[in-house]
Amino acid sequence: KRLGKPNAKILYSEITALSNKDGYCHASNGYFAKLYDVDSTTTSKWI
């Protein structure tokens, strides 16, 4: 519940998917912002 709304949790799941190739995710805040139609500041807070 400390993560608040589901957004950060969904982002975590996305990061695991993007980690399949190299074992880590190197996508930027801008990438996630476009993916979820929010601004980069918001995705930065989730991370």
ModelCIF file with pLDDT and N, C-alpha, C, O atoms, coordinates in Angstrom:
data_MODEL
#
_entry.id   MODEL 
#
_entity.id                         1 
_entity.type                       polymer 
_entity.pdbx_number_of_molecules   1 
#
_entity_poly.entity_id                      1 
_entity_poly.type                           'polypeptide(L)' 
_entity_poly.nstd_linkage                   no 
_entity_poly.nstd_monomer                   no 
_entity_poly.pdbx_seq_one_letter_code       KRLGKPNAKILYSEITALSNKDGYCHASNGYFAKLYDVDSTTTSKWI 
_entity_poly.pdbx_seq_one_letter_code_can   KRLGKPNAKILYSEITALSNKDGYCHASNGYFAKLYDVDSTTTSKWI 
_entity_poly.pdbx_strand_id                 A 
#
loop_
_entity_poly_seq.entity_id 
_entity_poly_seq.num 
_entity_poly_seq.mon_id 
_entity_poly_seq.hetero 
1 1  LYS n 
1 2  ARG n 
1 3  LEU n 
1 4  GLY n 
1 5  LYS n 
1 6  PRO n 
1 7  ASN n 
1 8  ALA n 
1 9  LYS n 
1 10 ILE n 
1 11 LEU n 
1 12 TYR n 
1 13 SER n 
1 14 GLU n 
1 15 ILE n 
1 16 THR n 
1 17 ALA n 
1 18 LEU n 
1 19 SER n 
1 20 ASN n 
1 21 LYS n 
1 22 ASP n 
1 23 GLY n 
1 24 TYR n 
1 25 CYS n 
1 26 HIS n 
1 27 ALA n 
1 28 SER n 
1 29 ASN n 
1 30 GLY n 
1 31 TYR n 
1 32 PHE n 
1 33 ALA n 
1 34 LYS n 
1 35 LEU n 
1 36 TYR n 
1 37 ASP n 
1 38 VAL n 
1 39 ASP n 
1 40 SER n 
1 41 THR n 
1 42 THR n 
1 43 THR n 
1 44 SER n 
1 45 LYS n 
1 46 TRP n 
1 47 ILE n 
#
_struct_asym.id          A 
_struct_asym.entity_id   1 
#
loop_
_ma_qa_metric.id 
_ma_qa_metric.mode 
_ma_qa_metric.name 
_ma_qa_metric.software_group_id 
_ma_qa_metric.type 
1 global pLDDT . pLDDT 
2 local  pLDDT . pLDDT 
#
_ma_qa_metric_global.metric_id      1 
_ma_qa_metric_global.metric_value   88.81 
_ma_qa_metric_global.model_id       1 
_ma_qa_metric_global.ordinal_id     1 
#
loop_
_ma_qa_metric_local.label_asym_id 
_ma_qa_metric_local.label_comp_id 
_ma_qa_metric_local.label_seq_id 
_ma_qa_metric_local.metric_id 
_ma_qa_metric_local.metric_value 
_ma_qa_metric_local.model_id 
_ma_qa_metric_local.ordinal_id 
A LYS 1  2 90.00 1 1  
A ARG 2  2 91.00 1 2  
A LEU 3  2 91.00 1 3  
A GLY 4  2 85.00 1 4  
A LYS 5  2 81.00 1 5  
A PRO 6  2 88.00 1 6  
A ASN 7  2 90.00 1 7  
A ALA 8  2 93.00 1 8  
A LYS 9  2 93.00 1 9  
A ILE 10 2 92.00 1 10 
A LEU 11 2 94.00 1 11 
A TYR 12 2 92.00 1 12 
A SER 13 2 90.00 1 13 
A GLU 14 2 91.00 1 14 
A ILE 15 2 90.00 1 15 
A THR 16 2 86.00 1 16 
A ALA 17 2 84.00 1 17 
A LEU 18 2 86.00 1 18 
A SER 19 2 82.00 1 19 
A ASN 20 2 73.00 1 20 
A LYS 21 2 71.00 1 21 
A ASP 22 2 71.00 1 22 
A GLY 23 2 73.00 1 23 
A TYR 24 2 80.00 1 24 
A CYS 25 2 87.00 1 25 
A HIS 26 2 87.00 1 26 
A ALA 27 2 91.00 1 27 
A SER 28 2 91.00 1 28 
A ASN 29 2 92.00 1 29 
A GLY 30 2 92.00 1 30 
A TYR 31 2 92.00 1 31 
A PHE 32 2 93.00 1 32 
A ALA 33 2 93.00 1 33 
A LYS 34 2 92.00 1 34 
A LEU 35 2 90.00 1 35 
A TYR 36 2 90.00 1 36 
A ASP 37 2 92.00 1 37 
A VAL 38 2 93.00 1 38 
A ASP 39 2 93.00 1 39 
A SER 40 2 92.00 1 40 
A THR 41 2 93.00 1 41 
A THR 42 2 94.00 1 42 
A THR 43 2 94.00 1 43 
A SER 44 2 93.00 1 44 
A LYS 45 2 94.00 1 45 
A TRP 46 2 95.00 1 46 
A ILE 47 2 94.00 1 47 
#
loop_
_atom_site.group_PDB 
_atom_site.id 
_atom_site.type_symbol 
_atom_site.label_atom_id 
_atom_site.label_alt_id 
_atom_site.label_comp_id 
_atom_site.label_asym_id 
_atom_site.label_entity_id 
_atom_site.label_seq_id 
_atom_site.pdbx_PDB_ins_code 
_atom_site.Cartn_x 
_atom_site.Cartn_y 
_atom_site.Cartn_z 
_atom_site.occupancy 
_atom_site.B_iso_or_equiv 
_atom_site.pdbx_formal_charge 
_atom_site.auth_seq_id 
_atom_site.auth_comp_id 
_atom_site.auth_asym_id 
_atom_site.auth_atom_id 
_atom_site.pdbx_PDB_model_num 
ATOM 1   N N  . LYS A 1 1  ? 0.809  -1.214  0.000   1.00 90.00 ? 1  LYS A N  1 
ATOM 2   C CA . LYS A 1 1  ? 0.000  0.000   0.000   1.00 90.00 ? 1  LYS A CA 1 
ATOM 3   C C  . LYS A 1 1  ? 0.849  1.273   0.000   1.00 90.00 ? 1  LYS A C  1 
ATOM 4   O O  . LYS A 1 1  ? 0.354  2.354   -0.318  1.00 90.00 ? 1  LYS A O  1 
ATOM 5   N N  . ARG A 1 2  ? 2.117  1.139   0.355   1.00 91.00 ? 2  ARG A N  1 
ATOM 6   C CA . ARG A 1 2  ? 2.999  2.316   0.361   1.00 91.00 ? 2  ARG A CA 1 
ATOM 7   C C  . ARG A 1 2  ? 3.228  2.857   -1.040  1.00 91.00 ? 2  ARG A C  1 
ATOM 8   O O  . ARG A 1 2  ? 3.598  4.020   -1.207  1.00 91.00 ? 2  ARG A O  1 
ATOM 9   N N  . LEU A 1 3  ? 3.012  2.028   -2.040  1.00 91.00 ? 3  LEU A N  1 
ATOM 10  C CA . LEU A 1 3  ? 3.223  2.454   -3.431  1.00 91.00 ? 3  LEU A CA 1 
ATOM 11  C C  . LEU A 1 3  ? 2.045  3.260   -3.978  1.00 91.00 ? 3  LEU A C  1 
ATOM 12  O O  . LEU A 1 3  ? 2.099  3.778   -5.093  1.00 91.00 ? 3  LEU A O  1 
ATOM 13  N N  . GLY A 1 4  ? 0.970  3.360   -3.171  1.00 85.00 ? 4  GLY A N  1 
ATOM 14  C CA . GLY A 1 4  ? -0.164 4.177   -3.582  1.00 85.00 ? 4  GLY A CA 1 
ATOM 15  C C  . GLY A 1 4  ? -0.982 3.538   -4.681  1.00 85.00 ? 4  GLY A C  1 
ATOM 16  O O  . GLY A 1 4  ? -1.252 2.337   -4.653  1.00 85.00 ? 4  GLY A O  1 
ATOM 17  N N  . LYS A 1 5  ? -1.379 4.355   -5.660  1.00 81.00 ? 5  LYS A N  1 
ATOM 18  C CA . LYS A 1 5  ? -2.210 3.879   -6.757  1.00 81.00 ? 5  LYS A CA 1 
ATOM 19  C C  . LYS A 1 5  ? -1.455 2.825   -7.572  1.00 81.00 ? 5  LYS A C  1 
ATOM 20  O O  . LYS A 1 5  ? -0.235 2.712   -7.457  1.00 81.00 ? 5  LYS A O  1 
ATOM 21  N N  . PRO A 1 6  ? -2.179 2.051   -8.397  1.00 88.00 ? 6  PRO A N  1 
ATOM 22  C CA . PRO A 1 6  ? -1.551 0.936   -9.130  1.00 88.00 ? 6  PRO A CA 1 
ATOM 23  C C  . PRO A 1 6  ? -0.461 1.337   -10.123 1.00 88.00 ? 6  PRO A C  1 
ATOM 24  O O  . PRO A 1 6  ? 0.289  0.480   -10.588 1.00 88.00 ? 6  PRO A O  1 
ATOM 25  N N  . ASN A 1 7  ? -0.361 2.632   -10.456 1.00 90.00 ? 7  ASN A N  1 
ATOM 26  C CA . ASN A 1 7  ? 0.551  3.042   -11.526 1.00 90.00 ? 7  ASN A CA 1 
ATOM 27  C C  . ASN A 1 7  ? 1.987  2.577   -11.318 1.00 90.00 ? 7  ASN A C  1 
ATOM 28  O O  . ASN A 1 7  ? 2.607  2.048   -12.241 1.00 90.00 ? 7  ASN A O  1 
ATOM 29  N N  . ALA A 1 8  ? 2.521  2.772   -10.112 1.00 93.00 ? 8  ALA A N  1 
ATOM 30  C CA . ALA A 1 8  ? 3.905  2.383   -9.840  1.00 93.00 ? 8  ALA A CA 1 
ATOM 31  C C  . ALA A 1 8  ? 4.070  0.869   -9.946  1.00 93.00 ? 8  ALA A C  1 
ATOM 32  O O  . ALA A 1 8  ? 5.121  0.377   -10.356 1.00 93.00 ? 8  ALA A O  1 
ATOM 33  N N  . LYS A 1 9  ? 3.024  0.141   -9.572  1.00 93.00 ? 9  LYS A N  1 
ATOM 34  C CA . LYS A 1 9  ? 3.083  -1.316  -9.626  1.00 93.00 ? 9  LYS A CA 1 
ATOM 35  C C  . LYS A 1 9  ? 3.073  -1.811  -11.079 1.00 93.00 ? 9  LYS A C  1 
ATOM 36  O O  . LYS A 1 9  ? 3.785  -2.746  -11.446 1.00 93.00 ? 9  LYS A O  1 
ATOM 37  N N  . ILE A 1 10 ? 2.236  -1.147  -11.892 1.00 92.00 ? 10 ILE A N  1 
ATOM 38  C CA . ILE A 1 10 ? 2.204  -1.482  -13.322 1.00 92.00 ? 10 ILE A CA 1 
ATOM 39  C C  . ILE A 1 10 ? 3.552  -1.162  -13.964 1.00 92.00 ? 10 ILE A C  1 
ATOM 40  O O  . ILE A 1 10 ? 4.040  -1.908  -14.814 1.00 92.00 ? 10 ILE A O  1 
ATOM 41  N N  . LEU A 1 11 ? 4.139  -0.054  -13.550 1.00 94.00 ? 11 LEU A N  1 
ATOM 42  C CA . LEU A 1 11 ? 5.449  0.330   -14.078 1.00 94.00 ? 11 LEU A CA 1 
ATOM 43  C C  . LEU A 1 11 ? 6.507  -0.709  -13.712 1.00 94.00 ? 11 LEU A C  1 
ATOM 44  O O  . LEU A 1 11 ? 7.369  -1.041  -14.524 1.00 94.00 ? 11 LEU A O  1 
ATOM 45  N N  . TYR A 1 12 ? 6.431  -1.220  -12.473 1.00 92.00 ? 12 TYR A N  1 
ATOM 46  C CA . TYR A 1 12 ? 7.367  -2.268  -12.055 1.00 92.00 ? 12 TYR A CA 1 
ATOM 47  C C  . TYR A 1 12 ? 7.270  -3.471  -12.987 1.00 92.00 ? 12 TYR A C  1 
ATOM 48  O O  . TYR A 1 12 ? 8.287  -4.014  -13.421 1.00 92.00 ? 12 TYR A O  1 
ATOM 49  N N  . SER A 1 13 ? 6.038  -3.883  -13.293 1.00 90.00 ? 13 SER A N  1 
ATOM 50  C CA . SER A 1 13 ? 5.832  -5.019  -14.183 1.00 90.00 ? 13 SER A CA 1 
ATOM 51  C C  . SER A 1 13 ? 6.420  -4.739  -15.565 1.00 90.00 ? 13 SER A C  1 
ATOM 52  O O  . SER A 1 13 ? 7.029  -5.618  -16.175 1.00 90.00 ? 13 SER A O  1 
ATOM 53  N N  . GLU A 1 14 ? 6.234  -3.516  -16.054 1.00 91.00 ? 14 GLU A N  1 
ATOM 54  C CA . GLU A 1 14 ? 6.787  -3.135  -17.354 1.00 91.00 ? 14 GLU A CA 1 
ATOM 55  C C  . GLU A 1 14 ? 8.310  -3.210  -17.345 1.00 91.00 ? 14 GLU A C  1 
ATOM 56  O O  . GLU A 1 14 ? 8.929  -3.639  -18.319 1.00 91.00 ? 14 GLU A O  1 
ATOM 57  N N  . ILE A 1 15 ? 8.902  -2.788  -16.236 1.00 90.00 ? 15 ILE A N  1 
ATOM 58  C CA . ILE A 1 15 ? 10.365 -2.800  -16.114 1.00 90.00 ? 15 ILE A CA 1 
ATOM 59  C C  . ILE A 1 15 ? 10.895 -4.233  -16.138 1.00 90.00 ? 15 ILE A C  1 
ATOM 60  O O  . ILE A 1 15 ? 11.952 -4.493  -16.712 1.00 90.00 ? 15 ILE A O  1 
ATOM 61  N N  . THR A 1 16 ? 10.159 -5.173  -15.510 1.00 86.00 ? 16 THR A N  1 
ATOM 62  C CA . THR A 1 16 ? 10.604 -6.576  -15.567 1.00 86.00 ? 16 THR A CA 1 
ATOM 63  C C  . THR A 1 16 ? 10.579 -7.084  -17.001 1.00 86.00 ? 16 THR A C  1 
ATOM 64  O O  . THR A 1 16 ? 11.451 -7.853  -17.407 1.00 86.00 ? 16 THR A O  1 
ATOM 65  N N  . ALA A 1 17 ? 9.574  -6.651  -17.774 1.00 84.00 ? 17 ALA A N  1 
ATOM 66  C CA . ALA A 1 17 ? 9.490  -7.075  -19.175 1.00 84.00 ? 17 ALA A CA 1 
ATOM 67  C C  . ALA A 1 17 ? 10.653 -6.512  -19.981 1.00 84.00 ? 17 ALA A C  1 
ATOM 68  O O  . ALA A 1 17 ? 11.245 -7.208  -20.807 1.00 84.00 ? 17 ALA A O  1 
ATOM 69  N N  . LEU A 1 18 ? 10.976 -5.242  -19.733 1.00 86.00 ? 18 LEU A N  1 
ATOM 70  C CA . LEU A 1 18 ? 12.061 -4.600  -20.473 1.00 86.00 ? 18 LEU A CA 1 
ATOM 71  C C  . LEU A 1 18 ? 13.446 -5.098  -20.020 1.00 86.00 ? 18 LEU A C  1 
ATOM 72  O O  . LEU A 1 18 ? 14.456 -4.819  -20.665 1.00 86.00 ? 18 LEU A O  1 
ATOM 73  N N  . SER A 1 19 ? 13.474 -5.833  -18.909 1.00 82.00 ? 19 SER A N  1 
ATOM 74  C CA . SER A 1 19 ? 14.745 -6.370  -18.401 1.00 82.00 ? 19 SER A CA 1 
ATOM 75  C C  . SER A 1 19 ? 15.059 -7.735  -18.980 1.00 82.00 ? 19 SER A C  1 
ATOM 76  O O  . SER A 1 19 ? 16.114 -8.299  -18.691 1.00 82.00 ? 19 SER A O  1 
ATOM 77  N N  . ASN A 1 20 ? 14.167 -8.275  -19.787 1.00 73.00 ? 20 ASN A N  1 
ATOM 78  C CA . ASN A 1 20 ? 14.367 -9.622  -20.325 1.00 73.00 ? 20 ASN A CA 1 
ATOM 79  C C  . ASN A 1 20 ? 15.635 -9.760  -21.141 1.00 73.00 ? 20 ASN A C  1 
ATOM 80  O O  . ASN A 1 20 ? 16.307 -10.788 -21.061 1.00 73.00 ? 20 ASN A O  1 
ATOM 81  N N  . LYS A 1 21 ? 15.975 -8.752  -21.920 1.00 71.00 ? 21 LYS A N  1 
ATOM 82  C CA . LYS A 1 21 ? 17.111 -8.868  -22.839 1.00 71.00 ? 21 LYS A CA 1 
ATOM 83  C C  . LYS A 1 21 ? 18.442 -8.832  -22.112 1.00 71.00 ? 21 LYS A C  1 
ATOM 84  O O  . LYS A 1 21 ? 19.287 -9.701  -22.329 1.00 71.00 ? 21 LYS A O  1 
ATOM 85  N N  . ASP A 1 22 ? 18.647 -7.828  -21.242 1.00 71.00 ? 22 ASP A N  1 
ATOM 86  C CA . ASP A 1 22 ? 19.958 -7.606  -20.619 1.00 71.00 ? 22 ASP A CA 1 
ATOM 87  C C  . ASP A 1 22 ? 19.979 -7.861  -19.125 1.00 71.00 ? 22 ASP A C  1 
ATOM 88  O O  . ASP A 1 22 ? 21.041 -7.822  -18.503 1.00 71.00 ? 22 ASP A O  1 
ATOM 89  N N  . GLY A 1 23 ? 18.804 -8.126  -18.534 1.00 73.00 ? 23 GLY A N  1 
ATOM 90  C CA . GLY A 1 23 ? 18.755 -8.316  -17.092 1.00 73.00 ? 23 GLY A CA 1 
ATOM 91  C C  . GLY A 1 23 ? 18.509 -7.026  -16.348 1.00 73.00 ? 23 GLY A C  1 
ATOM 92  O O  . GLY A 1 23 ? 18.392 -7.032  -15.122 1.00 73.00 ? 23 GLY A O  1 
ATOM 93  N N  . TYR A 1 24 ? 18.428 -5.922  -17.062 1.00 80.00 ? 24 TYR A N  1 
ATOM 94  C CA . TYR A 1 24 ? 18.092 -4.634  -16.469 1.00 80.00 ? 24 TYR A CA 1 
ATOM 95  C C  . TYR A 1 24 ? 17.362 -3.806  -17.519 1.00 80.00 ? 24 TYR A C  1 
ATOM 96  O O  . TYR A 1 24 ? 17.381 -4.132  -18.706 1.00 80.00 ? 24 TYR A O  1 
ATOM 97  N N  . CYS A 1 25 ? 16.724 -2.739  -17.073 1.00 87.00 ? 25 CYS A N  1 
ATOM 98  C CA . CYS A 1 25 ? 15.959 -1.874  -17.970 1.00 87.00 ? 25 CYS A CA 1 
ATOM 99  C C  . CYS A 1 25 ? 16.679 -0.538  -18.105 1.00 87.00 ? 25 CYS A C  1 
ATOM 100 O O  . CYS A 1 25 ? 17.041 0.071   -17.099 1.00 87.00 ? 25 CYS A O  1 
ATOM 101 N N  . HIS A 1 26 ? 16.893 -0.072  -19.342 1.00 87.00 ? 26 HIS A N  1 
ATOM 102 C CA . HIS A 1 26 ? 17.563 1.211   -19.534 1.00 87.00 ? 26 HIS A CA 1 
ATOM 103 C C  . HIS A 1 26 ? 16.638 2.257   -20.167 1.00 87.00 ? 26 HIS A C  1 
ATOM 104 O O  . HIS A 1 26 ? 17.102 3.284   -20.663 1.00 87.00 ? 26 HIS A O  1 
ATOM 105 N N  . ALA A 1 27 ? 15.322 1.988   -20.147 1.00 91.00 ? 27 ALA A N  1 
ATOM 106 C CA . ALA A 1 27 ? 14.363 2.952   -20.698 1.00 91.00 ? 27 ALA A CA 1 
ATOM 107 C C  . ALA A 1 27 ? 14.358 4.230   -19.855 1.00 91.00 ? 27 ALA A C  1 
ATOM 108 O O  . ALA A 1 27 ? 14.551 4.184   -18.640 1.00 91.00 ? 27 ALA A O  1 
ATOM 109 N N  . SER A 1 28 ? 14.137 5.359   -20.512 1.00 91.00 ? 28 SER A N  1 
ATOM 110 C CA . SER A 1 28 ? 14.159 6.661   -19.841 1.00 91.00 ? 28 SER A CA 1 
ATOM 111 C C  . SER A 1 28 ? 12.788 7.020   -19.266 1.00 91.00 ? 28 SER A C  1 
ATOM 112 O O  . SER A 1 28 ? 11.783 6.379   -19.574 1.00 91.00 ? 28 SER A O  1 
ATOM 113 N N  . ASN A 1 29 ? 12.767 8.050   -18.431 1.00 92.00 ? 29 ASN A N  1 
ATOM 114 C CA . ASN A 1 29 ? 11.493 8.544   -17.914 1.00 92.00 ? 29 ASN A CA 1 
ATOM 115 C C  . ASN A 1 29 ? 10.595 9.008   -19.054 1.00 92.00 ? 29 ASN A C  1 
ATOM 116 O O  . ASN A 1 29 ? 9.375  8.856   -18.999 1.00 92.00 ? 29 ASN A O  1 
ATOM 117 N N  . GLY A 1 30 ? 11.214 9.576   -20.087 1.00 92.00 ? 30 GLY A N  1 
ATOM 118 C CA . GLY A 1 30 ? 10.457 10.032  -21.245 1.00 92.00 ? 30 GLY A CA 1 
ATOM 119 C C  . GLY A 1 30 ? 9.762  8.884   -21.958 1.00 92.00 ? 30 GLY A C  1 
ATOM 120 O O  . GLY A 1 30 ? 8.633  9.026   -22.428 1.00 92.00 ? 30 GLY A O  1 
ATOM 121 N N  . TYR A 1 31 ? 10.437 7.753   -22.036 1.00 92.00 ? 31 TYR A N  1 
ATOM 122 C CA . TYR A 1 31 ? 9.845  6.568   -22.677 1.00 92.00 ? 31 TYR A CA 1 
ATOM 123 C C  . TYR A 1 31 ? 8.590  6.145   -21.923 1.00 92.00 ? 31 TYR A C  1 
ATOM 124 O O  . TYR A 1 31 ? 7.545  5.898   -22.525 1.00 92.00 ? 31 TYR A O  1 
ATOM 125 N N  . PHE A 1 32 ? 8.705  6.063   -20.588 1.00 93.00 ? 32 PHE A N  1 
ATOM 126 C CA . PHE A 1 32 ? 7.561  5.645   -19.785 1.00 93.00 ? 32 PHE A CA 1 
ATOM 127 C C  . PHE A 1 32 ? 6.447  6.693   -19.828 1.00 93.00 ? 32 PHE A C  1 
ATOM 128 O O  . PHE A 1 32 ? 5.265  6.351   -19.803 1.00 93.00 ? 32 PHE A O  1 
ATOM 129 N N  . ALA A 1 33 ? 6.831  7.960   -19.892 1.00 93.00 ? 33 ALA A N  1 
ATOM 130 C CA . ALA A 1 33 ? 5.831  9.029   -19.957 1.00 93.00 ? 33 ALA A CA 1 
ATOM 131 C C  . ALA A 1 33 ? 4.977  8.889   -21.213 1.00 93.00 ? 33 ALA A C  1 
ATOM 132 O O  . ALA A 1 33 ? 3.755  9.026   -21.152 1.00 93.00 ? 33 ALA A O  1 
ATOM 133 N N  . LYS A 1 34 ? 5.610  8.617   -22.348 1.00 92.00 ? 34 LYS A N  1 
ATOM 134 C CA . LYS A 1 34 ? 4.870  8.426   -23.596 1.00 92.00 ? 34 LYS A CA 1 
ATOM 135 C C  . LYS A 1 34 ? 4.027  7.158   -23.543 1.00 92.00 ? 34 LYS A C  1 
ATOM 136 O O  . LYS A 1 34 ? 2.903  7.123   -24.043 1.00 92.00 ? 34 LYS A O  1 
ATOM 137 N N  . LEU A 1 35 ? 4.589  6.116   -22.926 1.00 90.00 ? 35 LEU A N  1 
ATOM 138 C CA . LEU A 1 35 ? 3.892  4.838   -22.849 1.00 90.00 ? 35 LEU A CA 1 
ATOM 139 C C  . LEU A 1 35 ? 2.588  4.958   -22.069 1.00 90.00 ? 35 LEU A C  1 
ATOM 140 O O  . LEU A 1 35 ? 1.574  4.378   -22.457 1.00 90.00 ? 35 LEU A O  1 
ATOM 141 N N  . TYR A 1 36 ? 2.614  5.719   -20.957 1.00 90.00 ? 36 TYR A N  1 
ATOM 142 C CA . TYR A 1 36 ? 1.451  5.823   -20.088 1.00 90.00 ? 36 TYR A CA 1 
ATOM 143 C C  . TYR A 1 36 ? 0.728  7.164   -20.195 1.00 90.00 ? 36 TYR A C  1 
ATOM 144 O O  . TYR A 1 36 ? -0.180 7.455   -19.417 1.00 90.00 ? 36 TYR A O  1 
ATOM 145 N N  . ASP A 1 37 ? 1.144  7.973   -21.168 1.00 92.00 ? 37 ASP A N  1 
ATOM 146 C CA . ASP A 1 37 ? 0.487  9.254   -21.430 1.00 92.00 ? 37 ASP A CA 1 
ATOM 147 C C  . ASP A 1 37 ? 0.464  10.155  -20.191 1.00 92.00 ? 37 ASP A C  1 
ATOM 148 O O  . ASP A 1 37 ? -0.571 10.714  -19.829 1.00 92.00 ? 37 ASP A O  1 
ATOM 149 N N  . VAL A 1 38 ? 1.628  10.279  -19.554 1.00 93.00 ? 38 VAL A N  1 
ATOM 150 C CA . VAL A 1 38 ? 1.796  11.180  -18.414 1.00 93.00 ? 38 VAL A CA 1 
ATOM 151 C C  . VAL A 1 38 ? 3.079  11.975  -18.649 1.00 93.00 ? 38 VAL A C  1 
ATOM 152 O O  . VAL A 1 38 ? 3.761  11.761  -19.651 1.00 93.00 ? 38 VAL A O  1 
ATOM 153 N N  . ASP A 1 39 ? 3.416  12.895  -17.730 1.00 93.00 ? 39 ASP A N  1 
ATOM 154 C CA . ASP A 1 39 ? 4.664  13.633  -17.902 1.00 93.00 ? 39 ASP A CA 1 
ATOM 155 C C  . ASP A 1 39 ? 5.821  12.899  -17.233 1.00 93.00 ? 39 ASP A C  1 
ATOM 156 O O  . ASP A 1 39 ? 5.609  11.996  -16.423 1.00 93.00 ? 39 ASP A O  1 
ATOM 157 N N  . SER A 1 40 ? 7.040  13.291  -17.577 1.00 92.00 ? 40 SER A N  1 
ATOM 158 C CA . SER A 1 40 ? 8.245  12.616  -17.081 1.00 92.00 ? 40 SER A CA 1 
ATOM 159 C C  . SER A 1 40 ? 8.391  12.740  -15.572 1.00 92.00 ? 40 SER A C  1 
ATOM 160 O O  . SER A 1 40 ? 8.925  11.843  -14.919 1.00 92.00 ? 40 SER A O  1 
ATOM 161 N N  . THR A 1 41 ? 7.912  13.863  -15.014 1.00 93.00 ? 41 THR A N  1 
ATOM 162 C CA . THR A 1 41 ? 7.983  14.050  -13.559 1.00 93.00 ? 41 THR A CA 1 
ATOM 163 C C  . THR A 1 41 ? 7.188  12.978  -12.834 1.00 93.00 ? 41 THR A C  1 
ATOM 164 O O  . THR A 1 41 ? 7.603  12.487  -11.784 1.00 93.00 ? 41 THR A O  1 
ATOM 165 N N  . THR A 1 42 ? 6.048  12.618  -13.397 1.00 94.00 ? 42 THR A N  1 
ATOM 166 C CA . THR A 1 42 ? 5.197  11.591  -12.783 1.00 94.00 ? 42 THR A CA 1 
ATOM 167 C C  . THR A 1 42 ? 5.883  10.230  -12.798 1.00 94.00 ? 42 THR A C  1 
ATOM 168 O O  . THR A 1 42 ? 5.906  9.534   -11.782 1.00 94.00 ? 42 THR A O  1 
ATOM 169 N N  . THR A 1 43 ? 6.438  9.848   -13.941 1.00 94.00 ? 43 THR A N  1 
ATOM 170 C CA . THR A 1 43 ? 7.116  8.541   -14.007 1.00 94.00 ? 43 THR A CA 1 
ATOM 171 C C  . THR A 1 43 ? 8.343  8.525   -13.105 1.00 94.00 ? 43 THR A C  1 
ATOM 172 O O  . THR A 1 43 ? 8.693  7.489   -12.539 1.00 94.00 ? 43 THR A O  1 
ATOM 173 N N  . SER A 1 44 ? 8.997  9.682   -12.975 1.00 93.00 ? 44 SER A N  1 
ATOM 174 C CA . SER A 1 44 ? 10.153 9.783   -12.082 1.00 93.00 ? 44 SER A CA 1 
ATOM 175 C C  . SER A 1 44 ? 9.734  9.509   -10.634 1.00 93.00 ? 44 SER A C  1 
ATOM 176 O O  . SER A 1 44 ? 10.460 8.853   -9.888  1.00 93.00 ? 44 SER A O  1 
ATOM 177 N N  . LYS A 1 45 ? 8.560  10.016  -10.242 1.00 94.00 ? 45 LYS A N  1 
ATOM 178 C CA . LYS A 1 45 ? 8.051  9.788   -8.886  1.00 94.00 ? 45 LYS A CA 1 
ATOM 179 C C  . LYS A 1 45 ? 7.746  8.314   -8.667  1.00 94.00 ? 45 LYS A C  1 
ATOM 180 O O  . LYS A 1 45 ? 8.032  7.769   -7.601  1.00 94.00 ? 45 LYS A O  1 
ATOM 181 N N  . TRP A 1 46 ? 7.162  7.662   -9.682  1.00 95.00 ? 46 TRP A N  1 
ATOM 182 C CA . TRP A 1 46 ? 6.859  6.225   -9.550  1.00 95.00 ? 46 TRP A CA 1 
ATOM 183 C C  . TRP A 1 46 ? 8.139  5.421   -9.348  1.00 95.00 ? 46 TRP A C  1 
ATOM 184 O O  . TRP A 1 46 ? 8.210  4.535   -8.496  1.00 95.00 ? 46 TRP A O  1 
ATOM 185 N N  . ILE A 1 47 ? 9.146  5.750   -10.151 1.00 94.00 ? 47 ILE A N  1 
ATOM 186 C CA . ILE A 1 47 ? 10.423 5.033   -10.049 1.00 94.00 ? 47 ILE A CA 1 
ATOM 187 C C  . ILE A 1 47 ? 11.062 5.278   -8.691  1.00 94.00 ? 47 ILE A C  1 
ATOM 188 O O  . ILE A 1 47 ? 12.143 4.759   -8.415  1.00 94.00 ? 47 ILE A O  1 
#
